[in-house]
Amino acid sequence: MSGKLPSQFTTVDVGDSTFTILKRYQNLKPVGSGAQGIVCAAYDTVTGQNVAIKKLSRPFQNVTHSKRAYREFVLMKLVNHKNIISLVYAFTPQRTFDEFQDVYLVMELMDANLCQVIQMDLDHERMSYLLYQVLCGIKHLHSAGIIHRDLKPSNIVVKSDCTLKILDFGLARTAGTSFMMTPYVVTRYYRAPEVILGMGYKENVDIWSVGCIMGEMIKSVVLFPGTDHIDQWNKIIEQLGTPSHEFMKRLQPTVRNYVENRPKYAGYPTEKLFPDVLFPSDSTEHSGLKASMARDLLSKMLVIDPEKRISVDDALMHPYINVWYDESEVNGPPPHQYDHSVDQKEHTVEQWKELIFKEVIDFENRDRQNYGGVIHNNVGGASSITEETGGSHQKRQEYGGCV
């Protein structure tokens, strides 16, 4: 970074990375890293809250990274739901557009991601409550016109009181997937058949991912760990059976040719894939929370043909899930609609950079206007879920925490 560091910033080395952050953030500790950046836990001395700070990794190295960073910004401003992570603040240590190169996003701090929780022995209460929250978060995204298509345990985070949040916003509509040639770079174990096969999709594409996550909670192993798209498709049909002819008719010719020439599999009944011995003891509190109901829901979610797969609304009403049903959580205030033209725009890196710079400066200006006000109260609001009373949350407190 050229020029002198502004007085309110300090530089901290975190592992192999350098964070140039506002001095208000203290005690930085690395908590994770992914394709989009490194995340640190920190203490915000202004609000007295623990936060997560994500440094976007080289957001301007190419058009794809720049567009993804801008899309994440736009989406985080749109949504407002307790089961989706909220953006508390954003800043850059660079003061001018010419110098601009680093973006830091400040979010509420959670305790673990779902990968860690999946490895625990979860009872039906915790399992169904976690799934209920994922479904509430997905429903909110869908109401904003966002279909995720890439839900996975690493991008879902949980607090010790079992409250859950979805961390990212999935694939842009233009980030299509090609069955025959896409190289295997990221985890695709949870992507629905219609995404793997490059078909059209609708909202219940996300239900498949929830089914994969639920199955993993029960088995403690990934259900369909393919080494690439083709291997993954084979693992799906080996377990669930070759889909019907009417499903095949909806495939593109080259994909259909491959799929129809695979050996035919009968698949296994859900009772065989998920036998009773894998499930926790039936709940004594709720008649819906038992192995047979969990298996029934799984059998409706893990359906290859999306035309026959359960919808998000019906999953929320299923006896295994609806013990937690709370109108304000399922049908909260609607978000603003996402402008999908963002996905179609073909800007240069410089143009995306300018749009992101405007967003960051807008956040910084809002913070100055609301110092100690709205923007900071948002942190308290986001974290105060643990202090809620009434509704389904009070019922849940009886069962203790999650992590």
Protein backbone atom coordinates (compact mmCIF):
# COMPACT_ATOMS: atom_id res chain seq x y z
CA MET A 1 0.00 0.00 0.00
CA SER A 2 1.44 3.34 -0.97
CA GLY A 3 1.36 6.38 1.26
CA LYS A 4 1.18 6.65 5.02
CA LEU A 5 -1.24 4.44 6.95
CA PRO A 6 -4.17 6.49 8.32
CA SER A 7 -3.91 6.95 12.09
CA GLN A 8 -7.01 4.87 12.93
CA PHE A 9 -5.48 1.75 11.29
CA THR A 10 -2.93 -0.77 12.48
CA THR A 11 -1.21 -3.72 10.82
CA VAL A 12 -1.36 -7.22 12.32
CA ASP A 13 0.22 -10.42 10.99
CA VAL A 14 -2.21 -13.33 11.08
CA GLY A 15 -0.61 -16.61 9.99
CA ASP A 16 0.70 -16.03 6.47
CA SER A 17 -1.49 -12.99 5.94
CA THR A 18 -1.33 -9.33 6.95
CA PHE A 19 -4.48 -7.60 8.19
CA THR A 20 -4.51 -3.80 8.05
CA ILE A 21 -7.50 -3.05 10.22
CA LEU A 22 -9.12 -0.33 12.29
CA LYS A 23 -7.60 -0.09 15.76
CA ARG A 24 -11.04 -0.65 17.31
CA TYR A 25 -10.61 -4.36 16.43
CA GLN A 26 -8.35 -6.16 18.91
CA ASN A 27 -7.17 -9.71 19.71
CA LEU A 28 -7.24 -11.07 16.16
CA LYS A 29 -7.23 -14.86 15.89
CA PRO A 30 -7.52 -16.83 12.62
CA VAL A 31 -10.68 -18.94 12.52
CA GLY A 32 -10.77 -20.15 8.93
CA SER A 33 -9.95 -19.60 5.31
CA GLY A 34 -11.67 -20.37 2.06
CA ALA A 35 -11.61 -19.56 -1.63
CA GLN A 36 -12.87 -16.05 -0.93
CA GLY A 37 -10.56 -15.05 1.90
CA ILE A 38 -9.19 -15.44 5.39
CA VAL A 39 -11.42 -14.96 8.44
CA CYS A 40 -10.30 -13.78 11.89
CA ALA A 41 -12.15 -13.49 15.16
CA ALA A 42 -11.70 -10.12 16.84
CA TYR A 43 -13.04 -8.00 19.68
CA ASP A 44 -14.70 -4.71 18.70
CA THR A 45 -13.75 -2.24 21.45
CA VAL A 46 -16.41 0.25 20.27
CA THR A 47 -19.40 -2.07 20.60
CA GLY A 48 -18.01 -4.60 23.09
CA GLN A 49 -18.91 -7.43 20.70
CA ASN A 50 -16.88 -10.30 19.29
CA VAL A 51 -16.90 -10.19 15.48
CA ALA A 52 -15.54 -12.06 12.48
CA ILE A 53 -13.43 -10.07 10.01
CA LYS A 54 -13.01 -11.47 6.52
CA LYS A 55 -10.26 -10.14 4.28
CA LEU A 56 -11.31 -10.80 0.71
CA SER A 57 -8.53 -12.64 -1.04
CA ARG A 58 -7.19 -10.63 -3.97
CA PRO A 59 -10.65 -9.38 -5.01
CA PHE A 60 -9.27 -7.55 -8.04
CA GLN A 61 -6.99 -10.19 -9.52
CA ASN A 62 -9.49 -10.98 -12.27
CA VAL A 63 -13.04 -10.32 -13.44
CA THR A 64 -14.47 -13.43 -11.72
CA HIS A 65 -13.10 -12.47 -8.28
CA SER A 66 -14.17 -8.83 -8.69
CA LYS A 67 -17.69 -9.74 -9.76
CA ARG A 68 -18.06 -12.26 -6.92
CA ALA A 69 -16.93 -9.67 -4.35
CA TYR A 70 -19.42 -7.11 -5.66
CA ARG A 71 -22.24 -9.68 -5.78
CA GLU A 72 -21.55 -10.69 -2.17
CA PHE A 73 -21.76 -7.04 -1.11
CA VAL A 74 -25.04 -6.42 -2.91
CA LEU A 75 -26.65 -9.60 -1.54
CA MET A 76 -25.53 -9.01 2.04
CA LYS A 77 -27.24 -5.63 1.97
CA LEU A 78 -30.49 -7.12 0.63
CA VAL A 79 -31.17 -9.87 3.10
CA ASN A 80 -32.32 -9.48 6.67
CA HIS A 81 -32.97 -12.78 8.36
CA LYS A 82 -31.69 -14.37 11.55
CA ASN A 83 -30.60 -17.50 9.66
CA ILE A 84 -28.42 -15.64 7.16
CA ILE A 85 -25.17 -13.96 8.20
CA SER A 86 -25.41 -10.18 8.32
CA LEU A 87 -22.80 -7.67 7.29
CA VAL A 88 -22.07 -5.43 10.26
CA TYR A 89 -19.47 -3.20 8.63
CA ALA A 90 -17.07 -2.95 5.69
CA PHE A 91 -13.89 -0.94 5.36
CA THR A 92 -10.66 -0.44 3.45
CA PRO A 93 -7.38 1.00 4.78
CA GLN A 94 -6.75 2.73 1.44
CA ARG A 95 -8.12 6.24 1.23
CA THR A 96 -8.28 6.78 -2.55
CA PHE A 97 -9.55 4.76 -5.48
CA ASP A 98 -6.07 4.68 -7.07
CA GLU A 99 -4.64 2.98 -3.96
CA PHE A 100 -7.70 0.76 -3.33
CA GLN A 101 -6.82 -2.96 -3.12
CA ASP A 102 -8.08 -4.46 0.16
CA VAL A 103 -11.64 -5.12 1.30
CA TYR A 104 -12.53 -6.18 4.86
CA LEU A 105 -16.02 -7.40 5.78
CA VAL A 106 -17.06 -7.43 9.43
CA MET A 107 -19.71 -9.98 10.38
CA GLU A 108 -21.11 -11.47 13.55
CA LEU A 109 -18.93 -14.16 15.05
CA MET A 110 -20.22 -17.72 15.27
CA ASP A 111 -18.76 -20.69 17.18
CA ALA A 112 -18.37 -23.49 14.62
CA ASN A 113 -19.29 -24.52 11.12
CA LEU A 114 -21.66 -27.35 10.39
CA CYS A 115 -18.79 -29.72 9.43
CA GLN A 116 -17.81 -29.81 13.09
CA VAL A 117 -21.40 -30.18 14.33
CA ILE A 118 -22.11 -33.06 11.92
CA GLN A 119 -19.42 -35.12 13.65
CA MET A 120 -21.26 -34.90 17.00
CA ASP A 121 -23.91 -37.30 18.22
CA LEU A 122 -26.93 -35.10 17.62
CA ASP A 123 -30.31 -35.96 19.11
CA HIS A 124 -33.49 -35.48 17.07
CA GLU A 125 -34.20 -32.10 18.71
CA ARG A 126 -30.90 -30.59 17.64
CA MET A 127 -30.87 -32.21 14.22
CA SER A 128 -34.39 -31.14 13.29
CA TYR A 129 -33.87 -27.64 14.71
CA LEU A 130 -30.68 -27.11 12.67
CA LEU A 131 -32.47 -28.32 9.52
CA TYR A 132 -35.47 -26.08 10.29
CA GLN A 133 -33.18 -23.04 10.44
CA VAL A 134 -31.45 -23.94 7.15
CA LEU A 135 -34.89 -24.18 5.53
CA CYS A 136 -35.94 -20.79 6.98
CA GLY A 137 -32.77 -19.18 5.62
CA ILE A 138 -33.25 -20.76 2.18
CA LYS A 139 -36.89 -19.62 2.07
CA HIS A 140 -35.78 -16.04 2.78
CA LEU A 141 -33.18 -16.18 -0.01
CA HIS A 142 -35.79 -17.56 -2.40
CA SER A 143 -38.16 -14.72 -1.53
CA ALA A 144 -35.41 -12.31 -2.67
CA GLY A 145 -35.12 -14.18 -5.96
CA ILE A 146 -31.88 -15.93 -4.94
CA ILE A 147 -31.62 -19.67 -5.53
CA HIS A 148 -28.47 -20.89 -3.79
CA ARG A 149 -27.55 -24.16 -5.62
CA ASP A 150 -24.34 -24.63 -3.61
CA LEU A 151 -25.30 -25.14 0.04
CA LYS A 152 -22.72 -27.15 1.98
CA PRO A 153 -21.76 -27.67 5.64
CA SER A 154 -18.59 -25.54 5.38
CA ASN A 155 -20.71 -22.49 4.53
CA ILE A 156 -23.21 -22.90 7.36
CA VAL A 157 -22.20 -21.69 10.82
CA VAL A 158 -23.62 -22.42 14.24
CA LYS A 159 -23.53 -20.79 17.67
CA SER A 160 -23.24 -22.70 20.92
CA ASP A 161 -26.96 -22.18 21.60
CA CYS A 162 -27.76 -24.02 18.34
CA THR A 163 -28.69 -20.91 16.33
CA LEU A 164 -27.56 -21.27 12.72
CA LYS A 165 -26.70 -18.96 9.82
CA ILE A 166 -25.99 -19.48 6.13
CA LEU A 167 -22.70 -17.80 5.27
CA ASP A 168 -22.73 -17.32 1.52
CA PHE A 169 -25.09 -16.80 -1.40
CA GLY A 170 -24.21 -19.66 -3.71
CA LEU A 171 -23.73 -19.61 -7.43
CA ALA A 172 -24.50 -16.65 -9.65
CA ARG A 173 -27.02 -17.49 -12.36
CA THR A 174 -24.31 -17.14 -14.99
CA ALA A 175 -22.02 -19.57 -13.15
CA GLY A 176 -23.54 -22.53 -14.96
CA THR A 177 -22.08 -25.97 -14.73
CA SER A 178 -21.09 -28.32 -17.54
CA PHE A 179 -21.47 -32.02 -16.84
CA MET A 180 -18.90 -33.31 -19.29
CA MET A 181 -15.98 -30.97 -18.74
CA THR A 182 -16.04 -28.91 -15.54
CA PRO A 183 -12.79 -29.49 -13.65
CA TYR A 184 -13.14 -30.47 -10.00
CA VAL A 185 -11.97 -27.48 -8.00
CA VAL A 186 -14.49 -27.02 -5.20
CA THR A 187 -16.68 -29.38 -3.18
CA ARG A 188 -19.65 -30.41 -5.29
CA TYR A 189 -20.83 -33.28 -3.10
CA TYR A 190 -24.01 -31.42 -2.15
CA ARG A 191 -25.03 -30.12 -5.58
CA ALA A 192 -28.30 -31.39 -6.97
CA PRO A 193 -28.51 -33.71 -9.99
CA GLU A 194 -30.02 -30.91 -12.10
CA VAL A 195 -26.97 -28.74 -11.38
CA ILE A 196 -24.49 -31.56 -12.01
CA LEU A 197 -26.25 -32.43 -15.28
CA GLY A 198 -26.54 -28.81 -16.48
CA MET A 199 -30.36 -28.83 -16.51
CA GLY A 200 -32.80 -26.09 -15.65
CA TYR A 201 -33.61 -25.73 -11.97
CA LYS A 202 -36.15 -24.27 -9.58
CA GLU A 203 -36.20 -23.46 -5.85
CA ASN A 204 -36.20 -27.07 -4.67
CA VAL A 205 -32.69 -27.50 -6.12
CA ASP A 206 -31.63 -26.38 -2.61
CA ILE A 207 -33.70 -29.14 -0.95
CA TRP A 208 -31.35 -31.76 -2.41
CA SER A 209 -28.43 -30.10 -0.58
CA VAL A 210 -30.40 -30.09 2.68
CA GLY A 211 -31.09 -33.80 2.16
CA CYS A 212 -27.35 -34.47 1.66
CA ILE A 213 -26.55 -32.51 4.83
CA MET A 214 -29.25 -34.35 6.81
CA GLY A 215 -28.01 -37.72 5.55
CA GLU A 216 -24.49 -36.78 6.63
CA MET A 217 -25.73 -35.82 10.09
CA ILE A 218 -27.16 -39.33 10.41
CA LYS A 219 -24.31 -41.31 8.82
CA SER A 220 -21.37 -39.05 9.77
CA VAL A 221 -20.00 -39.55 6.26
CA VAL A 222 -20.53 -37.66 2.98
CA LEU A 223 -23.32 -39.38 1.00
CA PHE A 224 -22.04 -38.79 -2.55
CA PRO A 225 -18.30 -38.02 -2.45
CA GLY A 226 -17.58 -37.99 -6.20
CA THR A 227 -14.12 -37.20 -7.49
CA ASP A 228 -15.73 -35.29 -10.38
CA HIS A 229 -19.21 -34.71 -11.83
CA ILE A 230 -19.35 -38.06 -13.60
CA ASP A 231 -18.15 -40.06 -10.60
CA GLN A 232 -20.63 -38.18 -8.44
CA TRP A 233 -23.53 -38.97 -10.75
CA ASN A 234 -22.52 -42.64 -10.60
CA LYS A 235 -22.49 -42.59 -6.78
CA ILE A 236 -25.97 -41.01 -6.73
CA ILE A 237 -27.57 -43.57 -9.06
CA GLU A 238 -25.80 -46.52 -7.38
CA GLN A 239 -27.55 -45.60 -4.12
CA LEU A 240 -30.84 -44.08 -5.30
CA GLY A 241 -31.33 -45.93 -8.57
CA THR A 242 -31.36 -44.92 -12.25
CA PRO A 243 -33.98 -42.20 -12.82
CA SER A 244 -37.03 -42.64 -15.02
CA HIS A 245 -37.20 -42.28 -18.79
CA GLU A 246 -39.22 -39.05 -18.42
CA PHE A 247 -36.35 -37.54 -16.43
CA MET A 248 -33.85 -38.62 -19.13
CA LYS A 249 -35.95 -36.90 -21.81
CA ARG A 250 -35.27 -33.51 -20.17
CA LEU A 251 -31.47 -33.82 -20.50
CA GLN A 252 -29.33 -32.20 -23.19
CA PRO A 253 -28.52 -34.76 -25.92
CA THR A 254 -24.82 -35.29 -25.08
CA VAL A 255 -25.51 -35.65 -21.35
CA ARG A 256 -28.52 -37.86 -21.99
CA ASN A 257 -26.42 -40.11 -24.21
CA TYR A 258 -23.88 -40.60 -21.41
CA VAL A 259 -26.48 -41.07 -18.65
CA GLU A 260 -28.61 -43.55 -20.63
CA ASN A 261 -25.56 -45.66 -21.44
CA ARG A 262 -24.58 -46.16 -17.81
CA PRO A 263 -25.36 -49.53 -16.20
CA LYS A 264 -28.89 -49.52 -14.75
CA TYR A 265 -29.21 -49.51 -10.96
CA ALA A 266 -32.30 -50.39 -8.93
CA GLY A 267 -31.07 -48.36 -5.94
CA TYR A 268 -31.82 -49.15 -2.32
CA PRO A 269 -34.88 -48.35 -0.22
CA THR A 270 -34.39 -45.55 2.31
CA GLU A 271 -34.69 -48.09 5.17
CA LYS A 272 -31.61 -49.87 3.83
CA LEU A 273 -29.60 -46.68 3.22
CA PHE A 274 -30.54 -45.26 6.64
CA PRO A 275 -31.31 -48.16 9.02
CA ASP A 276 -32.73 -47.56 12.51
CA VAL A 277 -29.40 -48.25 14.19
CA LEU A 278 -27.95 -44.99 12.75
CA PHE A 279 -30.58 -42.76 14.35
CA PRO A 280 -30.68 -41.28 17.84
CA SER A 281 -33.39 -42.44 20.26
CA ASP A 282 -36.90 -41.23 19.46
CA SER A 283 -37.85 -38.03 21.24
CA THR A 284 -40.09 -38.39 24.29
CA GLU A 285 -41.23 -34.75 23.90
CA HIS A 286 -42.37 -34.62 20.26
CA SER A 287 -44.12 -37.42 18.39
CA GLY A 288 -42.71 -36.16 15.06
CA LEU A 289 -39.08 -36.43 16.18
CA LYS A 290 -38.31 -40.08 15.57
CA ALA A 291 -36.35 -42.21 13.12
CA SER A 292 -39.34 -43.08 10.92
CA MET A 293 -40.24 -39.40 10.42
CA ALA A 294 -36.62 -38.38 9.78
CA ARG A 295 -36.34 -41.16 7.20
CA ASP A 296 -39.62 -40.10 5.58
CA LEU A 297 -38.32 -36.55 5.15
CA LEU A 298 -35.01 -37.83 3.74
CA SER A 299 -36.84 -40.01 1.23
CA LYS A 300 -38.73 -36.93 -0.03
CA MET A 301 -35.63 -34.69 -0.23
CA LEU A 302 -33.15 -37.11 -1.82
CA VAL A 303 -35.17 -37.52 -5.02
CA ILE A 304 -33.21 -37.27 -8.27
CA ASP A 305 -36.11 -35.86 -10.29
CA PRO A 306 -36.84 -32.31 -9.05
CA GLU A 307 -40.42 -32.63 -10.33
CA LYS A 308 -40.98 -35.28 -7.63
CA ARG A 309 -38.85 -33.74 -4.85
CA ILE A 310 -40.46 -31.99 -1.87
CA SER A 311 -40.68 -28.18 -1.90
CA VAL A 312 -39.17 -25.88 0.74
CA ASP A 313 -42.65 -24.95 2.01
CA ASP A 314 -43.72 -28.58 2.31
CA ALA A 315 -40.45 -29.51 4.04
CA LEU A 316 -41.09 -26.76 6.62
CA MET A 317 -44.53 -28.30 7.27
CA HIS A 318 -43.18 -31.86 7.57
CA PRO A 319 -43.76 -33.41 11.04
CA TYR A 320 -40.00 -33.77 11.56
CA ILE A 321 -39.47 -30.02 11.06
CA ASN A 322 -42.67 -28.20 11.96
CA VAL A 323 -42.31 -28.72 15.73
CA TRP A 324 -40.21 -25.52 15.57
CA TYR A 325 -42.50 -23.63 13.17
CA ASP A 326 -42.63 -19.93 14.01
CA GLU A 327 -44.43 -17.63 11.58
CA SER A 328 -41.97 -14.76 12.10
CA GLU A 329 -39.01 -17.03 11.27
CA VAL A 330 -40.58 -18.80 8.29
CA ASN A 331 -42.26 -15.73 6.78
CA GLY A 332 -40.25 -12.83 8.16
CA PRO A 333 -40.18 -9.35 6.60
CA PRO A 334 -39.50 -9.81 2.88
CA PRO A 335 -36.08 -8.79 1.57
CA HIS A 336 -35.52 -6.44 -1.34
CA GLN A 337 -35.49 -8.26 -4.66
CA TYR A 338 -32.08 -9.15 -6.05
CA ASP A 339 -31.33 -7.50 -9.40
CA HIS A 340 -30.14 -10.44 -11.52
CA SER A 341 -28.73 -8.06 -14.13
CA VAL A 342 -25.66 -8.01 -11.84
CA ASP A 343 -25.01 -11.63 -12.89
CA GLN A 344 -25.26 -10.72 -16.57
CA LYS A 345 -23.06 -7.61 -16.49
CA GLU A 346 -19.72 -7.84 -18.29
CA HIS A 347 -17.57 -5.18 -16.64
CA THR A 348 -13.81 -4.84 -16.63
CA VAL A 349 -11.93 -5.44 -13.36
CA GLU A 350 -11.53 -1.66 -13.07
CA GLN A 351 -15.31 -1.09 -13.37
CA TRP A 352 -16.13 -3.78 -10.76
CA LYS A 353 -13.46 -2.26 -8.52
CA GLU A 354 -15.11 1.14 -8.79
CA LEU A 355 -18.52 -0.31 -7.86
CA ILE A 356 -17.00 -2.08 -4.83
CA PHE A 357 -15.12 1.05 -3.74
CA LYS A 358 -18.42 2.97 -3.78
CA GLU A 359 -20.08 0.29 -1.64
CA VAL A 360 -17.25 0.34 0.94
CA ILE A 361 -17.19 4.15 1.15
CA ASP A 362 -20.99 4.13 1.49
CA PHE A 363 -20.64 1.81 4.53
CA GLU A 364 -17.93 3.98 6.09
CA ASN A 365 -20.04 7.12 5.62
CA ARG A 366 -23.10 5.46 7.13
CA ASP A 367 -21.01 4.43 10.12
CA ARG A 368 -19.78 7.98 10.69
CA GLN A 369 -23.34 9.31 10.56
CA ASN A 370 -24.57 6.65 12.98
CA TYR A 371 -21.59 6.50 15.32
CA GLY A 372 -22.84 4.60 18.33
CA GLY A 373 -26.20 4.42 16.57
CA VAL A 374 -27.87 2.19 14.04
CA ILE A 375 -24.86 0.52 12.48
CA HIS A 376 -23.42 -0.48 15.84
CA ASN A 377 -26.73 -1.50 17.31
CA ASN A 378 -26.94 -3.91 14.39
CA VAL A 379 -24.10 -5.87 15.97
CA GLY A 380 -25.92 -6.17 19.26
CA GLY A 381 -29.12 -7.04 17.44
CA ALA A 382 -27.45 -9.75 15.44
CA SER A 383 -25.84 -11.31 18.49
CA SER A 384 -28.75 -10.99 20.87
CA ILE A 385 -30.60 -13.99 19.46
CA THR A 386 -29.44 -15.85 22.57
CA GLU A 387 -31.45 -13.47 24.74
CA GLU A 388 -34.73 -14.01 22.88
CA THR A 389 -37.66 -15.15 24.91
CA GLY A 390 -40.83 -16.83 23.88
CA GLY A 391 -41.58 -18.60 20.60
CA SER A 392 -39.74 -21.67 19.50
CA HIS A 393 -36.45 -20.46 21.00
CA GLN A 394 -37.67 -20.85 24.57
CA LYS A 395 -38.65 -24.44 23.86
CA ARG A 396 -35.19 -25.09 22.47
CA GLN A 397 -33.37 -23.80 25.54
CA GLU A 398 -34.66 -26.83 27.43
CA TYR A 399 -32.39 -29.06 25.36
CA GLY A 400 -29.15 -27.17 26.02
CA GLY A 401 -26.61 -25.99 23.48
CA CYS A 402 -25.22 -27.34 20.26
CA VAL A 403 -21.44 -26.80 20.25
